[in-house]
PDB file of all heavy atoms in Angstrom:
ATOM      1  N   ALA A   1       9.814  16.822   0.445  1.00  0.00           N
ATOM      2  CA  ALA A   1       8.635  16.740   1.295  1.00  0.00           C
ATOM      3  C   ALA A   1       8.666  15.461   2.112  1.00  0.00           C
ATOM      4  O   ALA A   1       8.961  14.389   1.586  1.00  0.00           O
ATOM      5  CB  ALA A   1       7.359  16.794   0.459  1.00  0.00           C
ATOM      6  N   ALA A   2       8.346  15.598   3.391  1.00  0.00           N
ATOM      7  CA  ALA A   2       8.274  14.450   4.296  1.00  0.00           C
ATOM      8  C   ALA A   2       6.863  14.383   4.870  1.00  0.00           C
ATOM      9  O   ALA A   2       6.420  15.315   5.554  1.00  0.00           O
ATOM     10  CB  ALA A   2       9.303  14.576   5.414  1.00  0.00           C
ATOM     11  N   GLY A   3       6.161  13.304   4.558  1.00  0.00           N
ATOM     12  CA  GLY A   3       4.781  13.142   5.004  1.00  0.00           C
ATOM     13  C   GLY A   3       4.686  12.365   6.298  1.00  0.00           C
ATOM     14  O   GLY A   3       5.631  11.706   6.733  1.00  0.00           O
ATOM     15  N   SER A   4       3.510  12.439   6.899  1.00  0.00           N
ATOM     16  CA  SER A   4       3.272  11.857   8.215  1.00  0.00           C
ATOM     17  C   SER A   4       2.420  10.598   8.127  1.00  0.00           C
ATOM     18  O   SER A   4       1.900  10.251   7.062  1.00  0.00           O
ATOM     19  CB  SER A   4       2.547  12.884   9.093  1.00  0.00           C
ATOM     20  OG  SER A   4       3.206  14.122   9.096  1.00  0.00           O
ATOM     21  N   LEU A   5       2.270   9.944   9.269  1.00  0.00           N
ATOM     22  CA  LEU A   5       1.334   8.835   9.422  1.00  0.00           C
ATOM     23  C   LEU A   5       0.091   9.405  10.118  1.00  0.00           C
ATOM     24  O   LEU A   5       0.136   9.751  11.292  1.00  0.00           O
ATOM     25  CB  LEU A   5       1.968   7.730  10.254  1.00  0.00           C
ATOM     26  CG  LEU A   5       1.363   6.341  10.148  1.00  0.00           C
ATOM     27  CD1 LEU A   5       1.558   5.754   8.754  1.00  0.00           C
ATOM     28  CD2 LEU A   5       1.977   5.422  11.203  1.00  0.00           C
ATOM     29  N   LEU A   6      -0.999   9.538   9.362  1.00  0.00           N
ATOM     30  CA  LEU A   6      -2.235  10.077   9.918  1.00  0.00           C
ATOM     31  C   LEU A   6      -3.103   8.939  10.437  1.00  0.00           C
ATOM     32  O   LEU A   6      -3.342   7.963   9.715  1.00  0.00           O
ATOM     33  CB  LEU A   6      -2.999  10.893   8.871  1.00  0.00           C
ATOM     34  CG  LEU A   6      -2.546  12.350   8.728  1.00  0.00           C
ATOM     35  CD1 LEU A   6      -1.205  12.438   8.002  1.00  0.00           C
ATOM     36  CD2 LEU A   6      -3.586  13.177   8.001  1.00  0.00           C
ATOM     37  N   LEU A   7      -3.571   9.085  11.672  1.00  0.00           N
ATOM     38  CA  LEU A   7      -4.275   8.018  12.366  1.00  0.00           C
ATOM     39  C   LEU A   7      -5.695   8.444  12.723  1.00  0.00           C
ATOM     40  O   LEU A   7      -5.933   9.575  13.151  1.00  0.00           O
ATOM     41  CB  LEU A   7      -3.525   7.645  13.643  1.00  0.00           C
ATOM     42  CG  LEU A   7      -2.041   7.277  13.471  1.00  0.00           C
ATOM     43  CD1 LEU A   7      -1.382   7.126  14.828  1.00  0.00           C
ATOM     44  CD2 LEU A   7      -1.907   6.001  12.656  1.00  0.00           C
ATOM     45  N   ARG A   8      -6.616   7.509  12.577  1.00  0.00           N
ATOM     46  CA  ARG A   8      -7.996   7.733  13.015  1.00  0.00           C
ATOM     47  C   ARG A   8      -8.071   7.616  14.540  1.00  0.00           C
ATOM     48  O   ARG A   8      -7.119   7.200  15.196  1.00  0.00           O
ATOM     49  CB  ARG A   8      -8.934   6.731  12.358  1.00  0.00           C
ATOM     50  CG  ARG A   8      -8.934   6.775  10.837  1.00  0.00           C
ATOM     51  CD  ARG A   8      -9.947   5.788  10.270  1.00  0.00           C
ATOM     52  NE  ARG A   8      -9.913   5.741   8.806  1.00  0.00           N
ATOM     53  CZ  ARG A   8      -9.173   4.910   8.096  1.00  0.00           C
ATOM     54  NH1 ARG A   8      -8.401   4.027   8.723  1.00  0.00           N
ATOM     55  NH2 ARG A   8      -9.197   4.941   6.783  1.00  0.00           N
ATOM     56  N   ALA A   9      -9.247   7.935  15.075  1.00  0.00           N
ATOM     57  CA  ALA A   9      -9.419   7.899  16.532  1.00  0.00           C
ATOM     58  C   ALA A   9      -9.198   6.511  17.107  1.00  0.00           C
ATOM     59  O   ALA A   9      -8.756   6.369  18.260  1.00  0.00           O
ATOM     60  CB  ALA A   9     -10.816   8.403  16.887  1.00  0.00           C
ATOM     61  N   ASP A  10      -9.482   5.456  16.323  1.00  0.00           N
ATOM     62  CA  ASP A  10      -9.297   4.083  16.822  1.00  0.00           C
ATOM     63  C   ASP A  10      -7.868   3.575  16.634  1.00  0.00           C
ATOM     64  O   ASP A  10      -7.574   2.412  16.935  1.00  0.00           O
ATOM     65  CB  ASP A  10     -10.286   3.135  16.143  1.00  0.00           C
ATOM     66  CG  ASP A  10     -10.072   3.031  14.629  1.00  0.00           C
ATOM     67  OD1 ASP A  10      -9.136   3.662  14.100  1.00  0.00           O
ATOM     68  OD2 ASP A  10     -10.860   2.326  13.974  1.00  0.00           O
ATOM     69  N   GLY A  11      -6.972   4.438  16.140  1.00  0.00           N
ATOM     70  CA  GLY A  11      -5.579   4.062  15.953  1.00  0.00           C
ATOM     71  C   GLY A  11      -5.250   3.479  14.600  1.00  0.00           C
ATOM     72  O   GLY A  11      -4.073   3.248  14.291  1.00  0.00           O
ATOM     73  N   SER A  12      -6.251   3.227  13.769  1.00  0.00           N
ATOM     74  CA  SER A  12      -5.990   2.705  12.422  1.00  0.00           C
ATOM     75  C   SER A  12      -5.439   3.812  11.536  1.00  0.00           C
ATOM     76  O   SER A  12      -5.618   5.012  11.804  1.00  0.00           O
ATOM     77  CB  SER A  12      -7.266   2.126  11.813  1.00  0.00           C
ATOM     78  OG  SER A  12      -8.267   3.136  11.674  1.00  0.00           O
ATOM     79  N   VAL A  13      -4.775   3.410  10.467  1.00  0.00           N
ATOM     80  CA  VAL A  13      -4.111   4.376   9.591  1.00  0.00           C
ATOM     81  C   VAL A  13      -5.100   4.950   8.584  1.00  0.00           C
ATOM     82  O   VAL A  13      -5.748   4.214   7.840  1.00  0.00           O
ATOM     83  CB  VAL A  13      -2.930   3.715   8.847  1.00  0.00           C
ATOM     84  CG1 VAL A  13      -2.310   4.696   7.851  1.00  0.00           C
ATOM     85  CG2 VAL A  13      -1.881   3.238   9.832  1.00  0.00           C
ATOM     86  N   GLN A  14      -5.232   6.259   8.586  1.00  0.00           N
ATOM     87  CA  GLN A  14      -6.014   6.933   7.549  1.00  0.00           C
ATOM     88  C   GLN A  14      -5.169   7.161   6.304  1.00  0.00           C
ATOM     89  O   GLN A  14      -5.617   6.946   5.183  1.00  0.00           O
ATOM     90  CB  GLN A  14      -6.548   8.269   8.042  1.00  0.00           C
ATOM     91  CG  GLN A  14      -7.300   9.067   6.962  1.00  0.00           C
ATOM     92  CD  GLN A  14      -7.143  10.558   7.122  1.00  0.00           C
ATOM     93  OE1 GLN A  14      -7.087  11.076   8.242  1.00  0.00           O
ATOM     94  NE2 GLN A  14      -7.046  11.276   6.005  1.00  0.00           N
ATOM     95  N   SER A  15      -3.920   7.602   6.509  1.00  0.00           N
ATOM     96  CA  SER A  15      -3.045   7.855   5.365  1.00  0.00           C
ATOM     97  C   SER A  15      -1.591   7.686   5.768  1.00  0.00           C
ATOM     98  O   SER A  15      -1.143   8.231   6.774  1.00  0.00           O
ATOM     99  CB  SER A  15      -3.253   9.268   4.812  1.00  0.00           C
ATOM    100  OG  SER A  15      -2.378   9.504   3.719  1.00  0.00           O
ATOM    101  N   ALA A  16      -0.863   6.927   4.938  1.00  0.00           N
ATOM    102  CA  ALA A  16       0.582   6.784   5.080  1.00  0.00           C
ATOM    103  C   ALA A  16       1.268   7.298   3.816  1.00  0.00           C
ATOM    104  O   ALA A  16       2.310   6.799   3.412  1.00  0.00           O
ATOM    105  CB  ALA A  16       0.945   5.325   5.333  1.00  0.00           C
ATOM    106  N   GLY A  17       0.657   8.287   3.204  1.00  0.00           N
ATOM    107  CA  GLY A  17       1.125   8.795   1.923  1.00  0.00           C
ATOM    108  C   GLY A  17       0.034   8.629   0.878  1.00  0.00           C
ATOM    109  O   GLY A  17      -1.056   8.125   1.163  1.00  0.00           O
ATOM    110  N   VAL A  18       0.345   9.040  -0.331  1.00  0.00           N
ATOM    111  CA  VAL A  18      -0.637   9.018  -1.421  1.00  0.00           C
ATOM    112  C   VAL A  18      -0.061   8.268  -2.614  1.00  0.00           C
ATOM    113  O   VAL A  18       1.090   8.479  -2.995  1.00  0.00           O
ATOM    114  CB  VAL A  18      -1.020  10.457  -1.830  1.00  0.00           C
ATOM    115  CG1 VAL A  18      -1.813  10.486  -3.127  1.00  0.00           C
ATOM    116  CG2 VAL A  18      -1.825  11.112  -0.715  1.00  0.00           C
ATOM    117  N   ARG A  19      -0.879   7.380  -3.175  1.00  0.00           N
ATOM    118  CA  ARG A  19      -0.497   6.700  -4.407  1.00  0.00           C
ATOM    119  C   ARG A  19      -1.272   7.297  -5.574  1.00  0.00           C
ATOM    120  O   ARG A  19      -2.306   7.947  -5.380  1.00  0.00           O
ATOM    121  CB  ARG A  19      -0.771   5.200  -4.305  1.00  0.00           C
ATOM    122  CG  ARG A  19      -2.238   4.825  -4.236  1.00  0.00           C
ATOM    123  CD  ARG A  19      -2.420   3.326  -4.031  1.00  0.00           C
ATOM    124  NE  ARG A  19      -3.826   2.950  -3.989  1.00  0.00           N
ATOM    125  CZ  ARG A  19      -4.532   2.593  -5.053  1.00  0.00           C
ATOM    126  NH1 ARG A  19      -3.953   2.546  -6.251  1.00  0.00           N
ATOM    127  NH2 ARG A  19      -5.803   2.267  -4.948  1.00  0.00           N
ATOM    128  N   LEU A  20      -0.796   7.058  -6.773  1.00  0.00           N
ATOM    129  CA  LEU A  20      -1.443   7.544  -7.988  1.00  0.00           C
ATOM    130  C   LEU A  20      -2.112   6.370  -8.680  1.00  0.00           C
ATOM    131  O   LEU A  20      -1.447   5.402  -9.062  1.00  0.00           O
ATOM    132  CB  LEU A  20      -0.396   8.182  -8.912  1.00  0.00           C
ATOM    133  CG  LEU A  20      -0.891   8.889 -10.162  1.00  0.00           C
ATOM    134  CD1 LEU A  20      -1.812  10.043  -9.820  1.00  0.00           C
ATOM    135  CD2 LEU A  20       0.299   9.395 -10.983  1.00  0.00           C
ATOM    136  N   THR A  21      -3.434   6.421  -8.822  1.00  0.00           N
ATOM    137  CA  THR A  21      -4.169   5.309  -9.426  1.00  0.00           C
ATOM    138  C   THR A  21      -4.061   5.360 -10.953  1.00  0.00           C
ATOM    139  O   THR A  21      -3.681   6.394 -11.519  1.00  0.00           O
ATOM    140  CB  THR A  21      -5.647   5.353  -9.022  1.00  0.00           C
ATOM    141  OG1 THR A  21      -6.270   6.481  -9.655  1.00  0.00           O
ATOM    142  CG2 THR A  21      -5.802   5.458  -7.508  1.00  0.00           C
ATOM    143  N   PRO A  22      -4.411   4.275 -11.649  1.00  0.00           N
ATOM    144  CA  PRO A  22      -4.312   4.261 -13.107  1.00  0.00           C
ATOM    145  C   PRO A  22      -5.183   5.301 -13.806  1.00  0.00           C
ATOM    146  O   PRO A  22      -4.907   5.672 -14.952  1.00  0.00           O
ATOM    147  CB  PRO A  22      -4.757   2.840 -13.484  1.00  0.00           C
ATOM    148  CG  PRO A  22      -4.454   2.020 -12.276  1.00  0.00           C
ATOM    149  CD  PRO A  22      -4.738   2.917 -11.115  1.00  0.00           C
ATOM    150  N   ASP A  23      -6.242   5.791 -13.116  1.00  0.00           N
ATOM    151  CA  ASP A  23      -7.068   6.829 -13.730  1.00  0.00           C
ATOM    152  C   ASP A  23      -6.773   8.214 -13.157  1.00  0.00           C
ATOM    153  O   ASP A  23      -7.532   9.156 -13.365  1.00  0.00           O
ATOM    154  CB  ASP A  23      -8.560   6.502 -13.585  1.00  0.00           C
ATOM    155  CG  ASP A  23      -8.974   6.279 -12.140  1.00  0.00           C
ATOM    156  OD1 ASP A  23      -8.099   6.344 -11.248  1.00  0.00           O
ATOM    157  OD2 ASP A  23     -10.172   6.041 -11.898  1.00  0.00           O
ATOM    158  N   GLY A  24      -5.658   8.324 -12.440  1.00  0.00           N
ATOM    159  CA  GLY A  24      -5.205   9.635 -12.004  1.00  0.00           C
ATOM    160  C   GLY A  24      -5.798  10.149 -10.719  1.00  0.00           C
ATOM    161  O   GLY A  24      -5.745  11.353 -10.451  1.00  0.00           O
ATOM    162  N   HIS A  25      -6.356   9.283  -9.894  1.00  0.00           N
ATOM    163  CA  HIS A  25      -6.789   9.696  -8.564  1.00  0.00           C
ATOM    164  C   HIS A  25      -5.596   9.658  -7.606  1.00  0.00           C
ATOM    165  O   HIS A  25      -4.712   8.803  -7.724  1.00  0.00           O
ATOM    166  CB  HIS A  25      -7.877   8.766  -8.027  1.00  0.00           C
ATOM    167  CG  HIS A  25      -9.230   9.006  -8.599  1.00  0.00           C
ATOM    168  ND1 HIS A  25      -9.661   8.433  -9.774  1.00  0.00           N
ATOM    169  CD2 HIS A  25     -10.265   9.766  -8.154  1.00  0.00           C
ATOM    170  CE1 HIS A  25     -10.899   8.826 -10.028  1.00  0.00           C
ATOM    171  NE2 HIS A  25     -11.292   9.629  -9.074  1.00  0.00           N
ATOM    172  N   GLY A  26      -5.595  10.573  -6.665  1.00  0.00           N
ATOM    173  CA  GLY A  26      -4.673  10.488  -5.551  1.00  0.00           C
ATOM    174  C   GLY A  26      -5.364   9.733  -4.433  1.00  0.00           C
ATOM    175  O   GLY A  26      -6.393  10.195  -3.924  1.00  0.00           O
ATOM    176  N   ALA A  27      -4.864   8.563  -4.044  1.00  0.00           N
ATOM    177  CA  ALA A  27      -5.531   7.708  -3.064  1.00  0.00           C
ATOM    178  C   ALA A  27      -4.627   7.493  -1.856  1.00  0.00           C
ATOM    179  O   ALA A  27      -3.418   7.267  -2.002  1.00  0.00           O
ATOM    180  CB  ALA A  27      -5.887   6.362  -3.694  1.00  0.00           C
ATOM    181  N   ASP A  28      -5.218   7.568  -0.657  1.00  0.00           N
ATOM    182  CA  ASP A  28      -4.444   7.359   0.564  1.00  0.00           C
ATOM    183  C   ASP A  28      -3.918   5.931   0.644  1.00  0.00           C
ATOM    184  O   ASP A  28      -4.642   4.964   0.352  1.00  0.00           O
ATOM    185  CB  ASP A  28      -5.308   7.639   1.790  1.00  0.00           C
ATOM    186  CG  ASP A  28      -5.558   9.112   2.011  1.00  0.00           C
ATOM    187  OD1 ASP A  28      -4.601   9.891   1.888  1.00  0.00           O
ATOM    188  OD2 ASP A  28      -6.707   9.486   2.301  1.00  0.00           O
ATOM    189  N   LEU A  29      -2.678   5.794   1.067  1.00  0.00           N
ATOM    190  CA  LEU A  29      -2.074   4.487   1.315  1.00  0.00           C
ATOM    191  C   LEU A  29      -2.401   4.030   2.726  1.00  0.00           C
ATOM    192  O   LEU A  29      -2.277   4.816   3.674  1.00  0.00           O
ATOM    193  CB  LEU A  29      -0.560   4.559   1.140  1.00  0.00           C
ATOM    194  CG  LEU A  29      -0.042   4.688  -0.301  1.00  0.00           C
ATOM    195  CD1 LEU A  29       1.414   5.130  -0.298  1.00  0.00           C
ATOM    196  CD2 LEU A  29      -0.185   3.370  -1.031  1.00  0.00           C
ATOM    197  N   PRO A  30      -2.798   2.772   2.914  1.00  0.00           N
ATOM    198  CA  PRO A  30      -3.149   2.285   4.249  1.00  0.00           C
ATOM    199  C   PRO A  30      -1.942   1.900   5.088  1.00  0.00           C
ATOM    200  O   PRO A  30      -2.089   1.634   6.279  1.00  0.00           O
ATOM    201  CB  PRO A  30      -4.011   1.062   3.947  1.00  0.00           C
ATOM    202  CG  PRO A  30      -3.494   0.555   2.643  1.00  0.00           C
ATOM    203  CD  PRO A  30      -3.088   1.772   1.862  1.00  0.00           C
ATOM    204  N   GLU A  31      -0.772   1.861   4.500  1.00  0.00           N
ATOM    205  CA  GLU A  31       0.447   1.554   5.244  1.00  0.00           C
ATOM    206  C   GLU A  31       1.629   2.162   4.493  1.00  0.00           C
ATOM    207  O   GLU A  31       1.541   2.434   3.291  1.00  0.00           O
ATOM    208  CB  GLU A  31       0.638   0.047   5.392  1.00  0.00           C
ATOM    209  CG  GLU A  31       0.718  -0.701   4.090  1.00  0.00           C
ATOM    210  CD  GLU A  31       0.794  -2.201   4.285  1.00  0.00           C
ATOM    211  OE1 GLU A  31       0.352  -2.693   5.335  1.00  0.00           O
ATOM    212  OE2 GLU A  31       1.304  -2.878   3.373  1.00  0.00           O
ATOM    213  N   PRO A  32       2.728   2.425   5.192  1.00  0.00           N
ATOM    214  CA  PRO A  32       3.891   3.004   4.511  1.00  0.00           C
ATOM    215  C   PRO A  32       4.347   2.130   3.353  1.00  0.00           C
ATOM    216  O   PRO A  32       4.368   0.906   3.464  1.00  0.00           O
ATOM    217  CB  PRO A  32       4.954   3.068   5.614  1.00  0.00           C
ATOM    218  CG  PRO A  32       4.164   3.121   6.888  1.00  0.00           C
ATOM    219  CD  PRO A  32       2.954   2.265   6.635  1.00  0.00           C
ATOM    220  N   PRO A  33       4.694   2.725   2.232  1.00  0.00           N
ATOM    221  CA  PRO A  33       5.108   1.936   1.071  1.00  0.00           C
ATOM    222  C   PRO A  33       6.485   1.330   1.265  1.00  0.00           C
ATOM    223  O   PRO A  33       7.270   1.800   2.099  1.00  0.00           O
ATOM    224  CB  PRO A  33       5.123   2.974  -0.058  1.00  0.00           C
ATOM    225  CG  PRO A  33       5.435   4.259   0.635  1.00  0.00           C
ATOM    226  CD  PRO A  33       4.748   4.178   1.976  1.00  0.00           C
TER     227      PRO A  33
END
């Protein structure tokens, strides 16, 4: 799987992939890892 860089209307990053939190949430990354 190859993910994208999702951008908000102002050009800021909404998601650069997903990380796994210690309690098992999938959280958007603010920049490529």
